[in-house]
Protein backbone atom coordinates (compact mmCIF):
# COMPACT_ATOMS: atom_id res chain seq x y z
CA MET A 1 64.99 97.52 54.02
CA ASP A 2 65.00 97.43 57.76
CA LYS A 3 68.31 95.62 59.36
CA SER A 4 67.93 93.32 61.66
CA ILE A 5 69.13 93.39 64.90
CA GLU A 6 72.02 91.98 65.14
CA GLU A 7 73.21 93.75 61.99
CA LEU A 8 72.55 96.96 64.16
CA ARG A 9 73.98 95.46 67.08
CA LEU A 10 77.32 94.47 64.64
CA GLU A 11 77.11 98.07 62.81
CA ILE A 12 77.34 99.98 66.84
CA TYR A 13 79.96 97.32 67.99
CA ASN A 14 82.43 98.19 64.94
CA ASP A 15 81.74 102.14 65.13
CA ILE A 16 82.42 102.11 68.90
CA LYS A 17 84.84 99.53 68.78
CA ALA A 18 86.99 101.49 66.04
CA ASP A 19 87.17 104.97 68.83
CA TYR A 20 86.94 102.73 72.16
CA PRO A 21 89.11 99.79 71.83
CA GLY A 22 88.15 99.05 75.55
CA VAL A 23 84.47 98.05 75.03
CA GLU A 24 83.66 94.44 75.42
CA LYS A 25 80.57 93.91 74.12
CA ILE A 26 77.07 95.76 73.14
CA VAL A 27 73.53 93.97 73.78
CA MET A 28 70.84 95.23 72.16
CA GLU A 29 67.27 95.64 74.01
CA ASP A 30 65.65 96.15 71.33
CA GLU A 31 66.30 98.21 67.58
CA ASN A 32 66.41 101.46 70.14
CA ILE A 33 68.04 100.78 73.10
CA PHE A 34 71.42 99.01 73.69
CA ARG A 35 74.07 98.32 76.51
CA ILE A 36 77.57 99.14 76.15
CA TYR A 37 79.99 97.16 78.43
CA ALA A 38 83.53 98.21 79.04
CA GLU A 39 85.72 98.79 82.04
CA ASP A 40 84.59 102.31 83.77
CA ASP A 41 87.17 104.69 82.48
CA THR A 42 86.16 104.06 78.80
CA LEU A 43 82.18 103.99 79.90
CA TRP A 44 82.89 107.10 81.50
CA LYS A 45 84.89 108.68 78.11
CA ILE A 46 82.10 107.14 76.12
CA PHE A 47 79.47 109.20 78.23
CA GLU A 48 81.43 112.34 78.40
CA ASP A 49 81.94 112.30 74.36
CA MET A 50 78.33 110.64 73.62
CA ILE A 51 76.28 112.48 76.11
CA ASN A 52 74.45 114.69 73.99
CA ASP A 53 74.00 112.60 71.35
CA PHE A 54 71.20 110.40 72.18
CA LYS A 55 67.78 110.71 73.28
CA SER A 56 68.85 109.09 76.91
CA ILE A 57 72.65 108.19 78.12
CA GLU A 58 73.24 106.58 81.70
CA PHE A 59 75.44 104.11 83.84
CA ASP A 60 73.98 101.29 85.29
CA SER A 61 74.76 97.40 86.48
CA GLY A 62 72.70 94.48 86.96
CA THR A 63 72.99 92.14 90.62
CA GLY A 64 76.35 90.88 89.96
CA GLU A 65 76.85 92.33 86.50
CA SER A 66 79.48 94.64 85.27
CA HIS A 67 78.73 98.46 84.56
CA PHE A 68 77.37 99.20 81.41
CA LEU A 69 76.09 102.49 79.41
CA LYS A 70 72.15 102.10 78.31
CA ILE A 71 71.61 104.15 75.34
CA ILE A 72 68.80 104.85 74.22
CA ILE A 73 68.83 106.22 70.36
């Protein structure tokens, strides 16, 4: 049975938060794309540690938004 997007979001959040306490939130765009919000130092650490683990990982930000990592699984 497939996990709901909310279950997947919680699982990803809990896994990443355990290793990177500075993570503020995870936002799912769909089941294959999510954004990690955190302060820049935490985002850089995640980026450096996980650059080869995903199909795509990039820094981004929206207008008036905090910086985030957009990850494609």
